Amino acid sequence: MIMRIWHGATKTSRSDDFLSYLMKTGVPWYRSLAGNRGVFVLRRTKEETSEFLLLSLWDSMESIKRFAGPDIDKAIYDFSEDRDYLLELESEVAHYEVLTGCSSGELIPHETRKYSLIV
């Protein structure tokens, strides 16, 4: 299993709106793709900037290549408002081989302002 890690940052004043945007665009898109095993959305706020990590789990590098193309380390910005929310369009994502882990598989809806694995 492979974990793909994307990082982005937005103004803290737009952080909740960006989360809602992710939950309507990127997260369901990842979940609809063959080979996706789950998605985590993480947020860290530091004064005027909120950073987001989108951690997605994939069956294999091949399943990532099917949607990302041959350059799997290149970040993808396919949604219309990405540029409006993000302070910078980072050019790369990272991939890690998942060696071990555990999850209850329970989803905590994003409306509670707590986040968990979506499986």
PDB file of N, CA and C in Angstrom:
ATOM      1  N   MET A   1       0.856  -1.164   0.000  1.00  0.00           N
ATOM      2  CA  MET A   1       0.000   0.000   0.000  1.00  0.00           C
ATOM      3  C   MET A   1       0.908   1.234   0.000  1.00  0.00           C
ATOM      4  N   ILE A   2       0.445   2.285  -0.661  1.00  0.00           N
ATOM      5  CA  ILE A   2       1.194   3.531  -0.797  1.00  0.00           C
ATOM      6  C   ILE A   2       0.381   4.686  -0.213  1.00  0.00           C
ATOM      7  N   MET A   3       1.067   5.577   0.518  1.00  0.00           N
ATOM      8  CA  MET A   3       0.424   6.803   0.979  1.00  0.00           C
ATOM      9  C   MET A   3       0.953   7.964   0.138  1.00  0.00           C
ATOM     10  N   ARG A   4       0.018   8.736  -0.428  1.00  0.00           N
ATOM     11  CA  ARG A   4       0.339   9.944  -1.190  1.00  0.00           C
ATOM     12  C   ARG A   4       0.039  11.133  -0.283  1.00  0.00           C
ATOM     13  N   ILE A   5       0.992  12.052  -0.158  1.00  0.00           N
ATOM     14  CA  ILE A   5       0.850  13.182   0.753  1.00  0.00           C
ATOM     15  C   ILE A   5       0.923  14.485  -0.029  1.00  0.00           C
ATOM     16  N   TRP A   6      -0.163  15.245   0.041  1.00  0.00           N
ATOM     17  CA  TRP A   6      -0.223  16.573  -0.563  1.00  0.00           C
ATOM     18  C   TRP A   6      -0.296  17.598   0.553  1.00  0.00           C
ATOM     19  N   HIS A   7       0.398  18.716   0.382  1.00  0.00           N
ATOM     20  CA  HIS A   7       0.404  19.802   1.361  1.00  0.00           C
ATOM     21  C   HIS A   7      -0.050  21.083   0.691  1.00  0.00           C
ATOM     22  N   GLY A   8      -0.883  21.847   1.393  1.00  0.00           N
ATOM     23  CA  GLY A   8      -1.300  23.156   0.911  1.00  0.00           C
ATOM     24  C   GLY A   8      -1.609  24.056   2.088  1.00  0.00           C
ATOM     25  N   ALA A   9      -1.610  25.357   1.840  1.00  0.00           N
ATOM     26  CA  ALA A   9      -1.891  26.317   2.911  1.00  0.00           C
ATOM     27  C   ALA A   9      -2.845  27.387   2.405  1.00  0.00           C
ATOM     28  N   THR A  10      -3.678  27.861   3.323  1.00  0.00           N
ATOM     29  CA  THR A  10      -4.628  28.925   3.025  1.00  0.00           C
ATOM     30  C   THR A  10      -4.644  29.910   4.194  1.00  0.00           C
ATOM     31  N   LYS A  11      -5.270  31.036   4.005  1.00  0.00           N
ATOM     32  CA  LYS A  11      -5.434  31.979   5.107  1.00  0.00           C
ATOM     33  C   LYS A  11      -6.339  31.346   6.158  1.00  0.00           C
ATOM     34  N   THR A  12      -6.017  31.536   7.423  1.00  0.00           N
ATOM     35  CA  THR A  12      -6.822  30.969   8.503  1.00  0.00           C
ATOM     36  C   THR A  12      -8.275  31.428   8.407  1.00  0.00           C
ATOM     37  N   SER A  13      -8.494  32.640   7.969  1.00  0.00           N
ATOM     38  CA  SER A  13      -9.867  33.151   7.844  1.00  0.00           C
ATOM     39  C   SER A  13     -10.680  32.379   6.807  1.00  0.00           C
ATOM     40  N   ARG A  14     -10.002  31.641   5.914  1.00  0.00           N
ATOM     41  CA  ARG A  14     -10.687  30.864   4.877  1.00  0.00           C
ATOM     42  C   ARG A  14     -10.560  29.357   5.117  1.00  0.00           C
ATOM     43  N   SER A  15     -10.019  28.982   6.245  1.00  0.00           N
ATOM     44  CA  SER A  15      -9.709  27.586   6.530  1.00  0.00           C
ATOM     45  C   SER A  15     -10.943  26.679   6.513  1.00  0.00           C
ATOM     46  N   ASP A  16     -12.007  27.082   7.184  1.00  0.00           N
ATOM     47  CA  ASP A  16     -13.220  26.257   7.206  1.00  0.00           C
ATOM     48  C   ASP A  16     -13.844  26.159   5.820  1.00  0.00           C
ATOM     49  N   ASP A  17     -13.820  27.249   5.073  1.00  0.00           N
ATOM     50  CA  ASP A  17     -14.343  27.218   3.703  1.00  0.00           C
ATOM     51  C   ASP A  17     -13.512  26.286   2.828  1.00  0.00           C
ATOM     52  N   PHE A  18     -12.191  26.315   3.011  1.00  0.00           N
ATOM     53  CA  PHE A  18     -11.331  25.436   2.223  1.00  0.00           C
ATOM     54  C   PHE A  18     -11.590  23.981   2.575  1.00  0.00           C
ATOM     55  N   LEU A  19     -11.792  23.691   3.858  1.00  0.00           N
ATOM     56  CA  LEU A  19     -12.124  22.323   4.260  1.00  0.00           C
ATOM     57  C   LEU A  19     -13.405  21.864   3.565  1.00  0.00           C
ATOM     58  N   SER A  20     -14.435  22.681   3.579  1.00  0.00           N
ATOM     59  CA  SER A  20     -15.689  22.320   2.901  1.00  0.00           C
ATOM     60  C   SER A  20     -15.454  22.089   1.415  1.00  0.00           C
ATOM     61  N   TYR A  21     -14.629  22.935   0.816  1.00  0.00           N
ATOM     62  CA  TYR A  21     -14.282  22.796  -0.599  1.00  0.00           C
ATOM     63  C   TYR A  21     -13.580  21.455  -0.853  1.00  0.00           C
ATOM     64  N   LEU A  22     -12.608  21.099  -0.007  1.00  0.00           N
ATOM     65  CA  LEU A  22     -11.932  19.805  -0.147  1.00  0.00           C
ATOM     66  C   LEU A  22     -12.918  18.644  -0.037  1.00  0.00           C
ATOM     67  N   MET A  23     -13.859  18.767   0.909  1.00  0.00           N
ATOM     68  CA  MET A  23     -14.821  17.685   1.125  1.00  0.00           C
ATOM     69  C   MET A  23     -15.812  17.556  -0.024  1.00  0.00           C
ATOM     70  N   LYS A  24     -15.952  18.591  -0.843  1.00  0.00           N
ATOM     71  CA  LYS A  24     -16.840  18.542  -2.009  1.00  0.00           C
ATOM     72  C   LYS A  24     -16.100  18.199  -3.295  1.00  0.00           C
ATOM     73  N   THR A  25     -14.779  18.350  -3.306  1.00  0.00           N
ATOM     74  CA  THR A  25     -14.016  18.178  -4.546  1.00  0.00           C
ATOM     75  C   THR A  25     -12.978  17.068  -4.419  1.00  0.00           C
ATOM     76  N   GLY A  26     -11.843  17.378  -3.839  1.00  0.00           N
ATOM     77  CA  GLY A  26     -10.713  16.453  -3.816  1.00  0.00           C
ATOM     78  C   GLY A  26     -10.969  15.134  -3.123  1.00  0.00           C
ATOM     79  N   VAL A  27     -11.616  15.176  -1.956  1.00  0.00           N
ATOM     80  CA  VAL A  27     -11.846  13.934  -1.209  1.00  0.00           C
ATOM     81  C   VAL A  27     -12.771  12.984  -1.972  1.00  0.00           C
ATOM     82  N   PRO A  28     -13.946  13.421  -2.448  1.00  0.00           N
ATOM     83  CA  PRO A  28     -14.780  12.479  -3.194  1.00  0.00           C
ATOM     84  C   PRO A  28     -14.142  12.036  -4.508  1.00  0.00           C
ATOM     85  N   TRP A  29     -13.353  12.920  -5.124  1.00  0.00           N
ATOM     86  CA  TRP A  29     -12.669  12.527  -6.361  1.00  0.00           C
ATOM     87  C   TRP A  29     -11.692  11.393  -6.081  1.00  0.00           C
ATOM     88  N   TYR A  30     -10.834  11.547  -5.050  1.00  0.00           N
ATOM     89  CA  TYR A  30      -9.918  10.471  -4.685  1.00  0.00           C
ATOM     90  C   TYR A  30     -10.689   9.187  -4.399  1.00  0.00           C
ATOM     91  N   ARG A  31     -11.767   9.297  -3.625  1.00  0.00           N
ATOM     92  CA  ARG A  31     -12.530   8.105  -3.234  1.00  0.00           C
ATOM     93  C   ARG A  31     -13.157   7.401  -4.432  1.00  0.00           C
ATOM     94  N   SER A  32     -13.403   8.136  -5.511  1.00  0.00           N
ATOM     95  CA  SER A  32     -14.031   7.537  -6.691  1.00  0.00           C
ATOM     96  C   SER A  32     -13.039   6.796  -7.581  1.00  0.00           C
ATOM     97  N   LEU A  33     -11.756   6.960  -7.342  1.00  0.00           N
ATOM     98  CA  LEU A  33     -10.744   6.395  -8.229  1.00  0.00           C
ATOM     99  C   LEU A  33     -10.402   4.962  -7.852  1.00  0.00           C
ATOM    100  N   ALA A  34     -10.212   4.141  -8.871  1.00  0.00           N
ATOM    101  CA  ALA A  34      -9.824   2.746  -8.656  1.00  0.00           C
ATOM    102  C   ALA A  34      -8.501   2.691  -7.901  1.00  0.00           C
ATOM    103  N   GLY A  35      -8.449   1.849  -6.900  1.00  0.00           N
ATOM    104  CA  GLY A  35      -7.232   1.667  -6.128  1.00  0.00           C
ATOM    105  C   GLY A  35      -7.142   2.519  -4.878  1.00  0.00           C
ATOM    106  N   ASN A  36      -8.065   3.466  -4.686  1.00  0.00           N
ATOM    107  CA  ASN A  36      -8.040   4.294  -3.483  1.00  0.00           C
ATOM    108  C   ASN A  36      -8.543   3.487  -2.303  1.00  0.00           C
ATOM    109  N   ARG A  37      -7.816   3.552  -1.189  1.00  0.00           N
ATOM    110  CA  ARG A  37      -8.174   2.805   0.012  1.00  0.00           C
ATOM    111  C   ARG A  37      -8.603   3.696   1.170  1.00  0.00           C
ATOM    112  N   GLY A  38      -8.551   5.012   0.976  1.00  0.00           N
ATOM    113  CA  GLY A  38      -8.973   5.911   2.044  1.00  0.00           C
ATOM    114  C   GLY A  38      -8.273   7.246   1.951  1.00  0.00           C
ATOM    115  N   VAL A  39      -8.787   8.202   2.719  1.00  0.00           N
ATOM    116  CA  VAL A  39      -8.267   9.570   2.707  1.00  0.00           C
ATOM    117  C   VAL A  39      -8.307  10.135   4.127  1.00  0.00           C
ATOM    118  N   PHE A  40      -7.239  10.802   4.523  1.00  0.00           N
ATOM    119  CA  PHE A  40      -7.199  11.592   5.749  1.00  0.00           C
ATOM    120  C   PHE A  40      -7.077  13.057   5.351  1.00  0.00           C
ATOM    121  N   VAL A  41      -7.765  13.940   6.064  1.00  0.00           N
ATOM    122  CA  VAL A  41      -7.579  15.386   5.900  1.00  0.00           C
ATOM    123  C   VAL A  41      -7.103  15.918   7.248  1.00  0.00           C
ATOM    124  N   LEU A  42      -5.930  16.553   7.262  1.00  0.00           N
ATOM    125  CA  LEU A  42      -5.354  17.097   8.488  1.00  0.00           C
ATOM    126  C   LEU A  42      -5.180  18.603   8.338  1.00  0.00           C
ATOM    127  N   ARG A  43      -5.303  19.303   9.459  1.00  0.00           N
ATOM    128  CA  ARG A  43      -5.135  20.760   9.444  1.00  0.00           C
ATOM    129  C   ARG A  43      -4.309  21.191  10.650  1.00  0.00           C
ATOM    130  N   ARG A  44      -3.436  22.168  10.407  1.00  0.00           N
ATOM    131  CA  ARG A  44      -2.650  22.791  11.475  1.00  0.00           C
ATOM    132  C   ARG A  44      -2.715  24.299  11.264  1.00  0.00           C
ATOM    133  N   THR A  45      -3.158  25.014  12.290  1.00  0.00           N
ATOM    134  CA  THR A  45      -3.287  26.464  12.187  1.00  0.00           C
ATOM    135  C   THR A  45      -2.171  27.137  12.976  1.00  0.00           C
ATOM    136  N   LYS A  46      -1.494  28.062  12.297  1.00  0.00           N
ATOM    137  CA  LYS A  46      -0.429  28.858  12.910  1.00  0.00           C
ATOM    138  C   LYS A  46      -0.718  30.315  12.582  1.00  0.00           C
ATOM    139  N   GLU A  47      -1.359  30.994  13.524  1.00  0.00           N
ATOM    140  CA  GLU A  47      -1.717  32.408  13.381  1.00  0.00           C
ATOM    141  C   GLU A  47      -2.567  32.638  12.129  1.00  0.00           C
ATOM    142  N   GLU A  48      -2.040  33.320  11.134  1.00  0.00           N
ATOM    143  CA  GLU A  48      -2.834  33.701   9.958  1.00  0.00           C
ATOM    144  C   GLU A  48      -2.842  32.657   8.849  1.00  0.00           C
ATOM    145  N   THR A  49      -2.121  31.541   9.039  1.00  0.00           N
ATOM    146  CA  THR A  49      -2.018  30.512   8.005  1.00  0.00           C
ATOM    147  C   THR A  49      -2.494  29.170   8.543  1.00  0.00           C
ATOM    148  N   SER A  50      -3.299  28.482   7.758  1.00  0.00           N
ATOM    149  CA  SER A  50      -3.714  27.113   8.083  1.00  0.00           C
ATOM    150  C   SER A  50      -3.158  26.187   7.014  1.00  0.00           C
ATOM    151  N   GLU A  51      -2.413  25.193   7.476  1.00  0.00           N
ATOM    152  CA  GLU A  51      -1.828  24.208   6.578  1.00  0.00           C
ATOM    153  C   GLU A  51      -2.706  22.965   6.560  1.00  0.00           C
ATOM    154  N   PHE A  52      -2.812  22.369   5.386  1.00  0.00           N
ATOM    155  CA  PHE A  52      -3.576  21.140   5.215  1.00  0.00           C
ATOM    156  C   PHE A  52      -2.675  20.057   4.649  1.00  0.00           C
ATOM    157  N   LEU A  53      -2.879  18.845   5.132  1.00  0.00           N
ATOM    158  CA  LEU A  53      -2.295  17.658   4.528  1.00  0.00           C
ATOM    159  C   LEU A  53      -3.441  16.793   4.055  1.00  0.00           C
ATOM    160  N   LEU A  54      -3.337  16.311   2.847  1.00  0.00           N
ATOM    161  CA  LEU A  54      -4.288  15.343   2.316  1.00  0.00           C
ATOM    162  C   LEU A  54      -3.500  14.055   2.148  1.00  0.00           C
ATOM    163  N   LEU A  55      -3.802  13.076   2.999  1.00  0.00           N
ATOM    164  CA  LEU A  55      -3.114  11.792   2.977  1.00  0.00           C
ATOM    165  C   LEU A  55      -4.046  10.782   2.342  1.00  0.00           C
ATOM    166  N   SER A  56      -3.644  10.247   1.215  1.00  0.00           N
ATOM    167  CA  SER A  56      -4.500   9.268   0.542  1.00  0.00           C
ATOM    168  C   SER A  56      -3.768   7.935   0.451  1.00  0.00           C
ATOM    169  N   LEU A  57      -4.517   6.869   0.637  1.00  0.00           N
ATOM    170  CA  LEU A  57      -3.973   5.513   0.603  1.00  0.00           C
ATOM    171  C   LEU A  57      -4.348   4.851  -0.712  1.00  0.00           C
ATOM    172  N   TRP A  58      -3.372   4.152  -1.308  1.00  0.00           N
ATOM    173  CA  TRP A  58      -3.549   3.546  -2.631  1.00  0.00           C
ATOM    174  C   TRP A  58      -3.040   2.117  -2.629  1.00  0.00           C
ATOM    175  N   ASP A  59      -3.677   1.274  -3.447  1.00  0.00           N
ATOM    176  CA  ASP A  59      -3.263  -0.120  -3.576  1.00  0.00           C
ATOM    177  C   ASP A  59      -1.820  -0.248  -4.038  1.00  0.00           C
ATOM    178  N   SER A  60      -1.422   0.617  -4.987  1.00  0.00           N
ATOM    179  CA  SER A  60      -0.105   0.467  -5.611  1.00  0.00           C
ATOM    180  C   SER A  60       0.297   1.757  -6.321  1.00  0.00           C
ATOM    181  N   MET A  61       1.555   1.829  -6.727  1.00  0.00           N
ATOM    182  CA  MET A  61       2.020   2.947  -7.549  1.00  0.00           C
ATOM    183  C   MET A  61       1.273   2.965  -8.879  1.00  0.00           C
ATOM    184  N   GLU A  62       0.932   1.809  -9.389  1.00  0.00           N
ATOM    185  CA  GLU A  62       0.198   1.737 -10.663  1.00  0.00           C
ATOM    186  C   GLU A  62      -1.167   2.407 -10.552  1.00  0.00           C
ATOM    187  N   SER A  63      -1.848   2.226  -9.436  1.00  0.00           N
ATOM    188  CA  SER A  63      -3.154   2.882  -9.281  1.00  0.00           C
ATOM    189  C   SER A  63      -2.988   4.399  -9.215  1.00  0.00           C
ATOM    190  N   ILE A  64      -1.884   4.879  -8.667  1.00  0.00           N
ATOM    191  CA  ILE A  64      -1.616   6.321  -8.650  1.00  0.00           C
ATOM    192  C   ILE A  64      -1.313   6.814 -10.058  1.00  0.00           C
ATOM    193  N   LYS A  65      -0.515   6.066 -10.798  1.00  0.00           N
ATOM    194  CA  LYS A  65      -0.168   6.459 -12.175  1.00  0.00           C
ATOM    195  C   LYS A  65      -1.398   6.571 -13.064  1.00  0.00           C
ATOM    196  N   ARG A  66      -2.419   5.771 -12.791  1.00  0.00           N
ATOM    197  CA  ARG A  66      -3.626   5.820 -13.631  1.00  0.00           C
ATOM    198  C   ARG A  66      -4.308   7.183 -13.582  1.00  0.00           C
ATOM    199  N   PHE A  67      -4.233   7.884 -12.441  1.00  0.00           N
ATOM    200  CA  PHE A  67      -4.857   9.216 -12.398  1.00  0.00           C
ATOM    201  C   PHE A  67      -3.830  10.343 -12.452  1.00  0.00           C
ATOM    202  N   ALA A  68      -2.611  10.099 -11.975  1.00  0.00           N
ATOM    203  CA  ALA A  68      -1.616  11.174 -11.895  1.00  0.00           C
ATOM    204  C   ALA A  68      -0.733  11.254 -13.129  1.00  0.00           C
ATOM    205  N   GLY A  69      -0.724  10.188 -13.926  1.00  0.00           N
ATOM    206  CA  GLY A  69       0.173  10.160 -15.072  1.00  0.00           C
ATOM    207  C   GLY A  69       1.538   9.624 -14.669  1.00  0.00           C
ATOM    208  N   PRO A  70       2.485   9.605 -15.607  1.00  0.00           N
ATOM    209  CA  PRO A  70       3.784   8.986 -15.338  1.00  0.00           C
ATOM    210  C   PRO A  70       4.619   9.725 -14.291  1.00  0.00           C
ATOM    211  N   ASP A  71       4.438  11.036 -14.150  1.00  0.00           N
ATOM    212  CA  ASP A  71       5.171  11.808 -13.145  1.00  0.00           C
ATOM    213  C   ASP A  71       4.317  11.900 -11.886  1.00  0.00           C
ATOM    214  N   ILE A  72       4.336  10.828 -11.095  1.00  0.00           N
ATOM    215  CA  ILE A  72       3.429  10.749  -9.948  1.00  0.00           C
ATOM    216  C   ILE A  72       3.768  11.739  -8.843  1.00  0.00           C
ATOM    217  N   ASP A  73       4.974  12.297  -8.870  1.00  0.00           N
ATOM    218  CA  ASP A  73       5.361  13.254  -7.838  1.00  0.00           C
ATOM    219  C   ASP A  73       4.877  14.668  -8.127  1.00  0.00           C
ATOM    220  N   LYS A  74       4.283  14.879  -9.289  1.00  0.00           N
ATOM    221  CA  LYS A  74       3.772  16.200  -9.647  1.00  0.00           C
ATOM    222  C   LYS A  74       2.393  16.392  -9.004  1.00  0.00           C
ATOM    223  N   ALA A  75       2.217  17.509  -8.308  1.00  0.00           N
ATOM    224  CA  ALA A  75       0.920  17.820  -7.687  1.00  0.00           C
ATOM    225  C   ALA A  75      -0.114  18.108  -8.770  1.00  0.00           C
ATOM    226  N   ILE A  76      -1.362  17.750  -8.485  1.00  0.00           N
ATOM    227  CA  ILE A  76      -2.465  17.942  -9.430  1.00  0.00           C
ATOM    228  C   ILE A  76      -3.413  19.001  -8.869  1.00  0.00           C
ATOM    229  N   TYR A  77      -3.727  19.976  -9.700  1.00  0.00           N
ATOM    230  CA  TYR A  77      -4.693  21.015  -9.329  1.00  0.00           C
ATOM    231  C   TYR A  77      -5.764  21.045 -10.414  1.00  0.00           C
ATOM    232  N   ASP A  78      -6.784  20.220 -10.252  1.00  0.00           N
ATOM    233  CA  ASP A  78      -7.818  20.044 -11.274  1.00  0.00           C
ATOM    234  C   ASP A  78      -9.111  20.789 -10.989  1.00  0.00           C
ATOM    235  N   PHE A  79      -9.235  21.405  -9.834  1.00  0.00           N
ATOM    236  CA  PHE A  79     -10.508  22.003  -9.463  1.00  0.00           C
ATOM    237  C   PHE A  79     -10.450  23.524  -9.585  1.00  0.00           C
ATOM    238  N   SER A  80     -11.563  24.105  -9.966  1.00  0.00           N
ATOM    239  CA  SER A  80     -11.620  25.509 -10.378  1.00  0.00           C
ATOM    240  C   SER A  80     -11.173  26.506  -9.315  1.00  0.00           C
ATOM    241  N   GLU A  81     -11.404  26.212  -8.053  1.00  0.00           N
ATOM    242  CA  GLU A  81     -11.111  27.197  -7.010  1.00  0.00           C
ATOM    243  C   GLU A  81      -9.797  26.951  -6.272  1.00  0.00           C
ATOM    244  N   ASP A  82      -9.021  25.959  -6.708  1.00  0.00           N
ATOM    245  CA  ASP A  82      -7.746  25.676  -6.042  1.00  0.00           C
ATOM    246  C   ASP A  82      -6.902  26.935  -5.899  1.00  0.00           C
ATOM    247  N   ARG A  83      -6.755  27.669  -6.982  1.00  0.00           N
ATOM    248  CA  ARG A  83      -5.905  28.865  -6.983  1.00  0.00           C
ATOM    249  C   ARG A  83      -6.475  29.987  -6.113  1.00  0.00           C
ATOM    250  N   ASP A  84      -7.786  30.000  -5.942  1.00  0.00           N
ATOM    251  CA  ASP A  84      -8.411  31.032  -5.111  1.00  0.00           C
ATOM    252  C   ASP A  84      -8.127  30.826  -3.621  1.00  0.00           C
ATOM    253  N   TYR A  85      -8.075  29.571  -3.197  1.00  0.00           N
ATOM    254  CA  TYR A  85      -7.878  29.268  -1.782  1.00  0.00           C
ATOM    255  C   TYR A  85      -6.410  29.185  -1.376  1.00  0.00           C
ATOM    256  N   LEU A  86      -5.593  28.576  -2.211  1.00  0.00           N
ATOM    257  CA  LEU A  86      -4.230  28.238  -1.806  1.00  0.00           C
ATOM    258  C   LEU A  86      -3.283  29.425  -1.910  1.00  0.00           C
ATOM    259  N   LEU A  87      -2.418  29.563  -0.923  1.00  0.00           N
ATOM    260  CA  LEU A  87      -1.432  30.638  -0.926  1.00  0.00           C
ATOM    261  C   LEU A  87      -0.328  30.378  -1.942  1.00  0.00           C
ATOM    262  N   GLU A  88      -0.101  29.105  -2.240  1.00  0.00           N
ATOM    263  CA  GLU A  88       0.925  28.691  -3.195  1.00  0.00           C
ATOM    264  C   GLU A  88       0.491  27.361  -3.788  1.00  0.00           C
ATOM    265  N   LEU A  89       0.773  27.145  -5.059  1.00  0.00           N
ATOM    266  CA  LEU A  89       0.507  25.849  -5.681  1.00  0.00           C
ATOM    267  C   LEU A  89       1.803  25.047  -5.640  1.00  0.00           C
ATOM    268  N   GLU A  90       1.951  24.265  -4.586  1.00  0.00           N
ATOM    269  CA  GLU A  90       3.170  23.473  -4.448  1.00  0.00           C
ATOM    270  C   GLU A  90       3.258  22.485  -5.598  1.00  0.00           C
ATOM    271  N   SER A  91       4.453  22.298  -6.120  1.00  0.00           N
ATOM    272  CA  SER A  91       4.611  21.524  -7.350  1.00  0.00           C
ATOM    273  C   SER A  91       4.693  20.020  -7.139  1.00  0.00           C
ATOM    274  N   GLU A  92       5.021  19.582  -5.931  1.00  0.00           N
ATOM    275  CA  GLU A  92       5.225  18.151  -5.722  1.00  0.00           C
ATOM    276  C   GLU A  92       4.431  17.604  -4.545  1.00  0.00           C
ATOM    277  N   VAL A  93       4.155  16.314  -4.644  1.00  0.00           N
ATOM    278  CA  VAL A  93       3.598  15.532  -3.548  1.00  0.00           C
ATOM    279  C   VAL A  93       4.644  14.486  -3.173  1.00  0.00           C
ATOM    280  N   ALA A  94       4.410  13.760  -2.089  1.00  0.00           N
ATOM    281  CA  ALA A  94       5.335  12.714  -1.656  1.00  0.00           C
ATOM    282  C   ALA A  94       4.593  11.387  -1.585  1.00  0.00           C
ATOM    283  N   HIS A  95       5.337  10.307  -1.761  1.00  0.00           N
ATOM    284  CA  HIS A  95       4.772   8.959  -1.679  1.00  0.00           C
ATOM    285  C   HIS A  95       5.603   8.124  -0.712  1.00  0.00           C
ATOM    286  N   TYR A  96       4.911   7.371   0.137  1.00  0.00           N
ATOM    287  CA  TYR A  96       5.564   6.498   1.096  1.00  0.00           C
ATOM    288  C   TYR A  96       4.924   5.120   1.045  1.00  0.00           C
ATOM    289  N   GLU A  97       5.738   4.109   1.178  1.00  0.00           N
ATOM    290  CA  GLU A  97       5.235   2.747   1.304  1.00  0.00           C
ATOM    291  C   GLU A  97       4.702   2.575   2.729  1.00  0.00           C
ATOM    292  N   VAL A  98       3.477   2.091   2.854  1.00  0.00           N
ATOM    293  CA  VAL A  98       2.875   1.857   4.169  1.00  0.00           C
ATOM    294  C   VAL A  98       3.337   0.488   4.648  1.00  0.00           C
ATOM    295  N   LEU A  99       4.028   0.467   5.770  1.00  0.00           N
ATOM    296  CA  LEU A  99       4.569  -0.779   6.289  1.00  0.00           C
ATOM    297  C   LEU A  99       3.664  -1.415   7.329  1.00  0.00           C
ATOM    298  N   THR A 100       3.000  -0.591   8.121  1.00  0.00           N
ATOM    299  CA  THR A 100       2.080  -1.100   9.130  1.00  0.00           C
ATOM    300  C   THR A 100       1.156   0.036   9.559  1.00  0.00           C
ATOM    301  N   GLY A 101       0.065  -0.295  10.222  1.00  0.00           N
ATOM    302  CA  GLY A 101      -0.862   0.717  10.704  1.00  0.00           C
ATOM    303  C   GLY A 101      -2.155   0.076  11.145  1.00  0.00           C
ATOM    304  N   CYS A 102      -3.016   0.871  11.764  1.00  0.00           N
ATOM    305  CA  CYS A 102      -4.320   0.372  12.168  1.00  0.00           C
ATOM    306  C   CYS A 102      -5.314   1.516  12.172  1.00  0.00           C
ATOM    307  N   SER A 103      -6.569   1.180  12.035  1.00  0.00           N
ATOM    308  CA  SER A 103      -7.644   2.160  12.064  1.00  0.00           C
ATOM    309  C   SER A 103      -8.920   1.448  12.443  1.00  0.00           C
ATOM    310  N   SER A 104      -9.795   2.177  13.115  1.00  0.00           N
ATOM    311  CA  SER A 104     -11.088   1.593  13.449  1.00  0.00           C
ATOM    312  C   SER A 104     -11.999   1.581  12.239  1.00  0.00           C
ATOM    313  N   GLY A 105     -11.633   2.371  11.202  1.00  0.00           N
ATOM    314  CA  GLY A 105     -12.482   2.472  10.026  1.00  0.00           C
ATOM    315  C   GLY A 105     -13.679   3.378  10.232  1.00  0.00           C
ATOM    316  N   GLU A 106     -13.732   4.056  11.363  1.00  0.00           N
ATOM    317  CA  GLU A 106     -14.865   4.914  11.702  1.00  0.00           C
ATOM    318  C   GLU A 106     -14.680   6.299  11.096  1.00  0.00           C
ATOM    319  N   LEU A 107     -15.703   6.818  10.506  1.00  0.00           N
ATOM    320  CA  LEU A 107     -15.682   8.164   9.954  1.00  0.00           C
ATOM    321  C   LEU A 107     -16.301   9.135  10.945  1.00  0.00           C
ATOM    322  N   ILE A 108     -15.590  10.193  11.249  1.00  0.00           N
ATOM    323  CA  ILE A 108     -16.148  11.279  12.042  1.00  0.00           C
ATOM    324  C   ILE A 108     -16.468  12.386  11.060  1.00  0.00           C
ATOM    325  N   PRO A 109     -17.732  12.729  10.844  1.00  0.00           N
ATOM    326  CA  PRO A 109     -18.097  13.726   9.835  1.00  0.00           C
ATOM    327  C   PRO A 109     -17.381  15.041  10.055  1.00  0.00           C
ATOM    328  N   HIS A 110     -17.019  15.683   8.948  1.00  0.00           N
ATOM    329  CA  HIS A 110     -16.230  16.908   9.056  1.00  0.00           C
ATOM    330  C   HIS A 110     -16.990  18.040   9.723  1.00  0.00           C
ATOM    331  N   GLU A 111     -18.294  17.969   9.813  1.00  0.00           N
ATOM    332  CA  GLU A 111     -19.070  19.021  10.461  1.00  0.00           C
ATOM    333  C   GLU A 111     -18.756  19.123  11.948  1.00  0.00           C
ATOM    334  N   THR A 112     -18.241  18.058  12.559  1.00  0.00           N
ATOM    335  CA  THR A 112     -17.922  18.088  13.984  1.00  0.00           C
ATOM    336  C   THR A 112     -16.587  18.764  14.258  1.00  0.00           C
ATOM    337  N   ARG A 113     -15.868  19.117  13.206  1.00  0.00           N
ATOM    338  CA  ARG A 113     -14.540  19.722  13.294  1.00  0.00           C
ATOM    339  C   ARG A 113     -13.513  18.746  13.846  1.00  0.00           C
ATOM    340  N   LYS A 114     -13.804  17.480  13.735  1.00  0.00           N
ATOM    341  CA  LYS A 114     -12.846  16.424  14.038  1.00  0.00           C
ATOM    342  C   LYS A 114     -12.782  15.560  12.797  1.00  0.00           C
ATOM    343  N   TYR A 115     -11.622  14.983  12.547  1.00  0.00           N
ATOM    344  CA  TYR A 115     -11.415  14.285  11.288  1.00  0.00           C
ATOM    345  C   TYR A 115     -10.872  12.893  11.552  1.00  0.00           C
ATOM    346  N   SER A 116     -11.187  12.003  10.648  1.00  0.00           N
ATOM    347  CA  SER A 116     -10.744  10.632  10.801  1.00  0.00           C
ATOM    348  C   SER A 116     -10.627   9.995   9.430  1.00  0.00           C
ATOM    349  N   LEU A 117     -10.182   8.776   9.417  1.00  0.00           N
ATOM    350  CA  LEU A 117     -10.025   8.031   8.172  1.00  0.00           C
ATOM    351  C   LEU A 117     -11.367   7.792   7.513  1.00  0.00           C
ATOM    352  N   ILE A 118     -11.417   8.011   6.212  1.00  0.00           N
ATOM    353  CA  ILE A 118     -12.598   7.678   5.421  1.00  0.00           C
ATOM    354  C   ILE A 118     -12.260   6.402   4.676  1.00  0.00           C
ATOM    355  N   VAL A 119     -12.918   5.313   5.034  1.00  0.00           N
ATOM    356  CA  VAL A 119     -12.647   4.034   4.355  1.00  0.00           C
ATOM    357  C   VAL A 119     -13.898   3.504   3.712  1.00  0.00           C
TER     358      VAL A 119
END
